[in-house]
Each structure stands twice: as C-alpha cells, then as structure tokens.
C-alpha cells in the first residue's frame, strides 16, 4: 500500500501547471504589446510592415499554442485517470443518496446514516447510487465528487492520508431540505476502524 499515489497530488499539480502557464502567457503577451506600442509606433514606422505569407511566424503561432494545449490536456488526462484507477485492496463502501440523507453500507452489513468512518492510509472506494432523485456526493477535502442517479451505479475513490474529521454533502438541489443533506467523514486508525466496524 506504500506505493499508492494520492490522486490529490496530480490534481494540484495540474492546476499549478495550467495557472502557471496562463500567468506566463499573460505577462508575456502584455509585455509584447507594450514593447510593440513603443517600438513600432507611427512616428518610427509611418509605413506599416506586411507580415502576411511569413511561413515561419505562421508555423510558430500555430505549433507553439498547440503544444501548450496538448501538454495541458496530457496533465489533465493523467489526473483524471488517477481518479478512476482504484488501487487494489481498497476499502469498498456503498453510498445511497436519498431525500435528505446519505446511507452508507459497509462490507460486514453495518449501515449508518450521514457518517462515514474509514481507516487512515488505505484507499477507499465509494460505490454511489440514489434511491430517488439525482444527488451529488462531494467530499471537498479530497476534491472528489460524483452524481448519484437512481438505477445507475458509479464510483469514486480517495486516499485518506491523515486522521481527522471532514464533511461531505450533496451539491445538486434535490428538494426543500437539500441544504441539510450533509455528513461527517471520520478518518481513524486501523485499530479504531476495526473496533467501530464491529460494534453494534
């Protein structure tokens, strides 16, 4: 289990990469515009230059942005794959959305409402569906979200790398008590998890 890559790192790196590139481009384009305003003003160049047909320029401004966009797509795709490939040996729970609570089923038959308890440093896979209308399970601390649709089972996974309490909630308006459809995720030691799992 020590070789598990937390998908959060891939998501964070992708955001940093895209935002970083965007800032570089913003500064570069702005600096170029300011330079051209002074360097090629009318008093210096009364006759404007015609750059049409310059194949080197046209190739550069086609190829370079294409490579930048493809690199962003690559990092985004790697992050997406990281969120879909569940490591072997994951703790597997079933989550049912219903108006207006979350029901969590554990492998040993234990069922709880609006409380999810998982062991630390073990991947957790949540099989998600709905018993009525469309809901959406969102766990902000792990940047994972998936829609819960009646008659369809989907999943998400996350890697709880430290103990603590976090919240999860529904992000799709599902009725008058939608705002109350939230719960607590508790990440505990493996010993505490086993004890909690086996108590009545």
C-alpha atoms as a PDB file:
ATOM      1  CA  UNK A   1       0.000   0.000   0.000  1.00  0.00           C
ATOM      2  CA  UNK A   2       3.015   2.304   0.373  1.00  0.00           C
ATOM      3  CA  UNK A   3       3.334   2.804  -3.392  1.00  0.00           C
ATOM      4  CA  UNK A   4      -0.146   4.350  -3.765  1.00  0.00           C
ATOM      5  CA  UNK A   5      -0.062   7.748  -5.424  1.00  0.00           C
ATOM      6  CA  UNK A   6      -2.566  10.117  -3.868  1.00  0.00           C
ATOM      7  CA  UNK A   7      -4.676  11.476  -6.776  1.00  0.00           C
ATOM      8  CA  UNK A   8      -4.873  14.821  -4.950  1.00  0.00           C
ATOM      9  CA  UNK A   9      -1.238  15.488  -5.886  1.00  0.00           C
ATOM     10  CA  UNK A  10      -1.984  15.033  -9.587  1.00  0.00           C
ATOM     11  CA  UNK A  11      -4.965  17.386  -9.386  1.00  0.00           C
ATOM     12  CA  UNK A  12      -2.955  20.048  -7.557  1.00  0.00           C
ATOM     13  CA  UNK A  13      -0.020  19.785  -9.994  1.00  0.00           C
ATOM     14  CA  UNK A  14      -2.377  20.101 -12.962  1.00  0.00           C
ATOM     15  CA  UNK A  15      -3.938  23.281 -11.545  1.00  0.00           C
ATOM     16  CA  UNK A  16      -0.498  24.730 -10.781  1.00  0.00           C
ATOM     17  CA  UNK A  17       0.720  23.876 -14.283  1.00  0.00           C
ATOM     18  CA  UNK A  18      -2.284  25.437 -16.058  1.00  0.00           C
ATOM     19  CA  UNK A  19      -2.380  28.539 -13.856  1.00  0.00           C
ATOM     20  CA  UNK A  20       1.411  28.927 -14.097  1.00  0.00           C
ATOM     21  CA  UNK A  21       1.354  28.727 -17.891  1.00  0.00           C
ATOM     22  CA  UNK A  22      -1.578  31.152 -18.005  1.00  0.00           C
ATOM     23  CA  UNK A  23       0.312  33.686 -15.876  1.00  0.00           C
ATOM     24  CA  UNK A  24       3.439  33.355 -18.033  1.00  0.00           C
ATOM     25  CA  UNK A  25       1.357  33.902 -21.174  1.00  0.00           C
ATOM     26  CA  UNK A  26      -0.460  36.860 -19.606  1.00  0.00           C
ATOM     27  CA  UNK A  27       2.809  38.571 -18.666  1.00  0.00           C
ATOM     28  CA  UNK A  28       4.433  37.667 -21.997  1.00  0.00           C
ATOM     29  CA  UNK A  29       1.571  38.924 -24.165  1.00  0.00           C
ATOM     30  CA  UNK A  30       1.193  42.109 -22.105  1.00  0.00           C
ATOM     31  CA  UNK A  31       4.950  42.820 -22.259  1.00  0.00           C
ATOM     32  CA  UNK A  32       4.977  42.173 -26.034  1.00  0.00           C
ATOM     33  CA  UNK A  33       2.040  44.552 -26.549  1.00  0.00           C
ATOM     34  CA  UNK A  34       3.733  47.315 -24.555  1.00  0.00           C
ATOM     35  CA  UNK A  35       7.009  46.747 -26.434  1.00  0.00           C
ATOM     36  CA  UNK A  36       5.268  46.879 -29.842  1.00  0.00           C
ATOM     37  CA  UNK A  37       3.372  50.055 -28.908  1.00  0.00           C
ATOM     38  CA  UNK A  38       6.656  51.893 -28.375  1.00  0.00           C
ATOM     39  CA  UNK A  39       8.906  50.086 -30.833  1.00  0.00           C
ATOM     40  CA  UNK A  40       6.550  50.198 -33.806  1.00  0.00           C
ATOM     41  CA  UNK A  41       4.644  53.437 -33.186  1.00  0.00           C
ATOM     42  CA  UNK A  42       3.678  55.529 -36.192  1.00  0.00           C
ATOM     43  CA  UNK A  43       6.469  58.071 -35.702  1.00  0.00           C
ATOM     44  CA  UNK A  44       9.062  55.264 -36.095  1.00  0.00           C
ATOM     45  CA  UNK A  45       7.193  53.323 -38.806  1.00  0.00           C
ATOM     46  CA  UNK A  46       4.927  55.529 -40.886  1.00  0.00           C
ATOM     47  CA  UNK A  47       4.522  52.669 -43.359  1.00  0.00           C
ATOM     48  CA  UNK A  48       3.278  49.517 -41.559  1.00  0.00           C
ATOM     49  CA  UNK A  49       5.079  46.256 -42.360  1.00  0.00           C
ATOM     50  CA  UNK A  50       3.123  43.462 -44.055  1.00  0.00           C
ATOM     51  CA  UNK A  51       3.863  40.076 -42.445  1.00  0.00           C
ATOM     52  CA  UNK A  52       1.362  38.072 -44.476  1.00  0.00           C
ATOM     53  CA  UNK A  53       2.903  34.987 -46.044  1.00  0.00           C
ATOM     54  CA  UNK A  54       5.647  34.702 -43.408  1.00  0.00           C
ATOM     55  CA  UNK A  55       5.542  30.917 -43.012  1.00  0.00           C
ATOM     56  CA  UNK A  56       7.937  30.881 -40.060  1.00  0.00           C
ATOM     57  CA  UNK A  57       5.699  33.172 -37.997  1.00  0.00           C
ATOM     58  CA  UNK A  58       2.532  31.338 -39.014  1.00  0.00           C
ATOM     59  CA  UNK A  59       4.113  27.974 -38.158  1.00  0.00           C
ATOM     60  CA  UNK A  60       5.328  29.260 -34.791  1.00  0.00           C
ATOM     61  CA  UNK A  61       1.979  30.713 -33.703  1.00  0.00           C
ATOM     62  CA  UNK A  62       0.234  27.507 -34.749  1.00  0.00           C
ATOM     63  CA  UNK A  63       2.645  24.904 -33.375  1.00  0.00           C
ATOM     64  CA  UNK A  64       3.550  26.540 -30.039  1.00  0.00           C
ATOM     65  CA  UNK A  65      -0.043  27.074 -28.780  1.00  0.00           C
ATOM     66  CA  UNK A  66      -0.956  23.569 -29.992  1.00  0.00           C
ATOM     67  CA  UNK A  67       1.892  22.060 -27.959  1.00  0.00           C
ATOM     68  CA  UNK A  68       0.899  24.103 -24.901  1.00  0.00           C
ATOM     69  CA  UNK A  69      -2.745  22.980 -25.114  1.00  0.00           C
ATOM     70  CA  UNK A  70      -1.723  19.346 -25.689  1.00  0.00           C
ATOM     71  CA  UNK A  71       0.557  19.448 -22.639  1.00  0.00           C
ATOM     72  CA  UNK A  72      -2.335  20.804 -20.539  1.00  0.00           C
ATOM     73  CA  UNK A  73      -4.564  18.038 -21.884  1.00  0.00           C
ATOM     74  CA  UNK A  74      -1.917  15.434 -21.010  1.00  0.00           C
ATOM     75  CA  UNK A  75      -1.639  16.558 -17.381  1.00  0.00           C
ATOM     76  CA  UNK A  76      -5.419  16.821 -17.085  1.00  0.00           C
ATOM     77  CA  UNK A  77      -5.873  13.334 -18.526  1.00  0.00           C
ATOM     78  CA  UNK A  78      -3.284  11.875 -16.133  1.00  0.00           C
ATOM     79  CA  UNK A  79      -5.169  13.466 -13.219  1.00  0.00           C
ATOM     80  CA  UNK A  80      -8.463  12.048 -14.483  1.00  0.00           C
ATOM     81  CA  UNK A  81      -7.000   8.549 -14.860  1.00  0.00           C
ATOM     82  CA  UNK A  82      -5.631   8.827 -11.318  1.00  0.00           C
ATOM     83  CA  UNK A  83      -9.157   9.486 -10.073  1.00  0.00           C
ATOM     84  CA  UNK A  84     -10.606   6.484 -11.957  1.00  0.00           C
ATOM     85  CA  UNK A  85      -7.981   3.772 -11.340  1.00  0.00           C
ATOM     86  CA  UNK A  86      -8.772   2.338  -7.920  1.00  0.00           C
ATOM     87  CA  UNK A  87      -5.758   0.663  -6.265  1.00  0.00           C
ATOM     88  CA  UNK A  88      -6.148  -2.995  -5.298  1.00  0.00           C
ATOM     89  CA  UNK A  89      -7.161  -3.720  -1.717  1.00  0.00           C
ATOM     90  CA  UNK A  90      -9.325  -0.615  -1.351  1.00  0.00           C
ATOM     91  CA  UNK A  91     -11.926  -0.457   1.409  1.00  0.00           C
ATOM     92  CA  UNK A  92     -15.196  -0.637  -0.520  1.00  0.00           C
ATOM     93  CA  UNK A  93     -18.386   1.029   0.713  1.00  0.00           C
ATOM     94  CA  UNK A  94     -21.776   1.575  -0.903  1.00  0.00           C
ATOM     95  CA  UNK A  95     -23.344   5.028  -0.584  1.00  0.00           C
ATOM     96  CA  UNK A  96     -27.037   5.651  -1.245  1.00  0.00           C
ATOM     97  CA  UNK A  97     -28.372   9.167  -1.677  1.00  0.00           C
ATOM     98  CA  UNK A  98     -31.954   9.756  -0.574  1.00  0.00           C
ATOM     99  CA  UNK A  99     -34.022  12.786   0.335  1.00  0.00           C
ATOM    100  CA  UNK A 100     -32.353  14.093   2.505  1.00  0.00           C
ATOM    101  CA  UNK A 101     -29.507  11.952   3.835  1.00  0.00           C
ATOM    102  CA  UNK A 102     -26.713   9.581   2.888  1.00  0.00           C
ATOM    103  CA  UNK A 103     -26.879   5.883   3.759  1.00  0.00           C
ATOM    104  CA  UNK A 104     -23.509   4.103   3.932  1.00  0.00           C
ATOM    105  CA  UNK A 105     -23.293   0.301   3.743  1.00  0.00           C
ATOM    106  CA  UNK A 106     -20.167  -1.483   4.988  1.00  0.00           C
ATOM    107  CA  UNK A 107     -18.940  -4.902   3.750  1.00  0.00           C
ATOM    108  CA  UNK A 108     -19.933  -6.629   7.015  1.00  0.00           C
ATOM    109  CA  UNK A 109     -23.558  -5.441   6.698  1.00  0.00           C
ATOM    110  CA  UNK A 110     -23.262  -2.453   9.022  1.00  0.00           C
ATOM    111  CA  UNK A 111     -25.335   0.512   7.843  1.00  0.00           C
ATOM    112  CA  UNK A 112     -25.053   4.090   9.078  1.00  0.00           C
ATOM    113  CA  UNK A 113     -26.579   7.410   8.119  1.00  0.00           C
ATOM    114  CA  UNK A 114     -24.605  10.586   7.366  1.00  0.00           C
ATOM    115  CA  UNK A 115     -21.428   9.221   8.959  1.00  0.00           C
ATOM    116  CA  UNK A 116     -18.553   7.655   7.072  1.00  0.00           C
ATOM    117  CA  UNK A 117     -15.695   6.085   9.020  1.00  0.00           C
ATOM    118  CA  UNK A 118     -12.610   4.894   7.134  1.00  0.00           C
ATOM    119  CA  UNK A 119      -9.100   3.735   8.082  1.00  0.00           C
ATOM    120  CA  UNK A 120      -6.160   6.042   7.527  1.00  0.00           C
ATOM    121  CA  UNK A 121      -3.634   5.328   4.732  1.00  0.00           C
ATOM    122  CA  UNK A 122      -5.896   2.886   2.910  1.00  0.00           C
ATOM    123  CA  UNK A 123      -7.608   3.688  -0.392  1.00  0.00           C
ATOM    124  CA  UNK A 124     -11.379   3.981  -0.109  1.00  0.00           C
ATOM    125  CA  UNK A 125     -13.755   3.218  -2.974  1.00  0.00           C
ATOM    126  CA  UNK A 126     -17.322   4.508  -2.753  1.00  0.00           C
ATOM    127  CA  UNK A 127     -19.945   2.873  -4.972  1.00  0.00           C
ATOM    128  CA  UNK A 128     -22.594   5.560  -5.302  1.00  0.00           C
ATOM    129  CA  UNK A 129     -26.244   5.476  -6.387  1.00  0.00           C
ATOM    130  CA  UNK A 130     -29.559   7.110  -5.495  1.00  0.00           C
ATOM    131  CA  UNK A 131     -32.812   5.786  -4.089  1.00  0.00           C
ATOM    132  CA  UNK A 132     -34.906   8.623  -5.511  1.00  0.00           C
ATOM    133  CA  UNK A 133     -33.900  11.852  -7.281  1.00  0.00           C
ATOM    134  CA  UNK A 134     -30.482  12.963  -8.522  1.00  0.00           C
ATOM    135  CA  UNK A 135     -27.982  13.800  -5.787  1.00  0.00           C
ATOM    136  CA  UNK A 136     -24.265  14.531  -5.958  1.00  0.00           C
ATOM    137  CA  UNK A 137     -21.747  13.362  -3.364  1.00  0.00           C
ATOM    138  CA  UNK A 138     -18.934  15.859  -2.778  1.00  0.00           C
ATOM    139  CA  UNK A 139     -16.002  15.448  -0.381  1.00  0.00           C
ATOM    140  CA  UNK A 140     -14.160  18.800  -0.549  1.00  0.00           C
ATOM    141  CA  UNK A 141     -11.128  17.673   1.486  1.00  0.00           C
ATOM    142  CA  UNK A 142     -10.254  15.102  -1.191  1.00  0.00           C
ATOM    143  CA  UNK A 143     -11.530  17.051  -4.229  1.00  0.00           C
ATOM    144  CA  UNK A 144     -13.821  14.217  -5.339  1.00  0.00           C
ATOM    145  CA  UNK A 145     -17.431  14.490  -6.498  1.00  0.00           C
ATOM    146  CA  UNK A 146     -19.809  12.167  -8.315  1.00  0.00           C
ATOM    147  CA  UNK A 147     -23.506  12.271  -9.189  1.00  0.00           C
ATOM    148  CA  UNK A 148     -25.858   9.755  -7.567  1.00  0.00           C
ATOM    149  CA  UNK A 149     -28.518   8.685 -10.067  1.00  0.00           C
ATOM    150  CA  UNK A 150     -31.321   6.200  -9.421  1.00  0.00           C
ATOM    151  CA  UNK A 151     -30.801   2.953 -11.344  1.00  0.00           C
ATOM    152  CA  UNK A 152     -27.147   3.729 -12.110  1.00  0.00           C
ATOM    153  CA  UNK A 153     -24.108   2.846 -10.004  1.00  0.00           C
ATOM    154  CA  UNK A 154     -20.937   4.860 -10.312  1.00  0.00           C
ATOM    155  CA  UNK A 155     -17.931   5.293  -8.065  1.00  0.00           C
ATOM    156  CA  UNK A 156     -15.168   7.491  -6.779  1.00  0.00           C
ATOM    157  CA  UNK A 157     -12.111   6.803  -4.666  1.00  0.00           C
ATOM    158  CA  UNK A 158      -9.817   8.765  -2.412  1.00  0.00           C
ATOM    159  CA  UNK A 159      -6.748   8.182  -0.255  1.00  0.00           C
ATOM    160  CA  UNK A 160      -7.125   9.423   3.339  1.00  0.00           C
ATOM    161  CA  UNK A 161      -3.500  10.065   4.292  1.00  0.00           C
ATOM    162  CA  UNK A 162      -4.087  11.585   7.740  1.00  0.00           C
ATOM    163  CA  UNK A 163      -6.567  11.212  10.563  1.00  0.00           C
ATOM    164  CA  UNK A 164      -9.245  13.829  11.068  1.00  0.00           C
ATOM    165  CA  UNK A 165     -12.861  14.841  10.546  1.00  0.00           C
ATOM    166  CA  UNK A 166     -14.148  16.206   7.266  1.00  0.00           C
ATOM    167  CA  UNK A 167     -17.538  16.962   5.790  1.00  0.00           C
ATOM    168  CA  UNK A 168     -19.342  15.682   2.733  1.00  0.00           C
ATOM    169  CA  UNK A 169     -22.583  16.898   1.234  1.00  0.00           C
ATOM    170  CA  UNK A 170     -24.938  16.980  -1.721  1.00  0.00           C
ATOM    171  CA  UNK A 171     -24.194  19.545  -4.444  1.00  0.00           C
ATOM    172  CA  UNK A 172     -27.311  19.064  -6.588  1.00  0.00           C
ATOM    173  CA  UNK A 173     -30.552  20.720  -5.486  1.00  0.00           C
ATOM    174  CA  UNK A 174     -32.728  17.746  -4.562  1.00  0.00           C
ATOM    175  CA  UNK A 175     -35.622  19.287  -2.657  1.00  0.00           C
ATOM    176  CA  UNK A 176     -36.583  21.620   0.158  1.00  0.00           C
ATOM    177  CA  UNK A 177     -34.146  20.117   2.685  1.00  0.00           C
ATOM    178  CA  UNK A 178     -31.216  19.894   0.273  1.00  0.00           C
ATOM    179  CA  UNK A 179     -29.049  22.150   2.443  1.00  0.00           C
ATOM    180  CA  UNK A 180     -29.354  19.671   5.325  1.00  0.00           C
ATOM    181  CA  UNK A 181     -28.082  16.721   3.275  1.00  0.00           C
ATOM    182  CA  UNK A 182     -24.580  16.528   4.667  1.00  0.00           C
ATOM    183  CA  UNK A 183     -22.492  14.176   6.730  1.00  0.00           C
ATOM    184  CA  UNK A 184     -19.201  13.639   8.512  1.00  0.00           C
ATOM    185  CA  UNK A 185     -16.219  11.680   7.232  1.00  0.00           C
ATOM    186  CA  UNK A 186     -14.007  10.392  10.033  1.00  0.00           C
ATOM    187  CA  UNK A 187     -10.541   9.101   9.181  1.00  0.00           C
ATOM    188  CA  UNK A 188      -9.272   6.964  12.059  1.00  0.00           C
ATOM    189  CA  UNK A 189      -6.502   4.483  12.804  1.00  0.00           C
ATOM    190  CA  UNK A 190      -6.958   0.943  11.519  1.00  0.00           C
ATOM    191  CA  UNK A 191      -7.429  -0.350  15.077  1.00  0.00           C
ATOM    192  CA  UNK A 192     -10.132   2.209  15.814  1.00  0.00           C
ATOM    193  CA  UNK A 193     -11.762   1.485  12.456  1.00  0.00           C
ATOM    194  CA  UNK A 194     -11.988  -2.255  13.163  1.00  0.00           C
ATOM    195  CA  UNK A 195     -13.374  -1.559  16.621  1.00  0.00           C
ATOM    196  CA  UNK A 196     -16.013   0.845  15.254  1.00  0.00           C
ATOM    197  CA  UNK A 197     -16.907  -1.513  12.399  1.00  0.00           C
ATOM    198  CA  UNK A 198     -17.594  -4.439  14.706  1.00  0.00           C
ATOM    199  CA  UNK A 199     -19.526  -2.642  17.397  1.00  0.00           C
ATOM    200  CA  UNK A 200     -23.342  -2.713  17.357  1.00  0.00           C
END
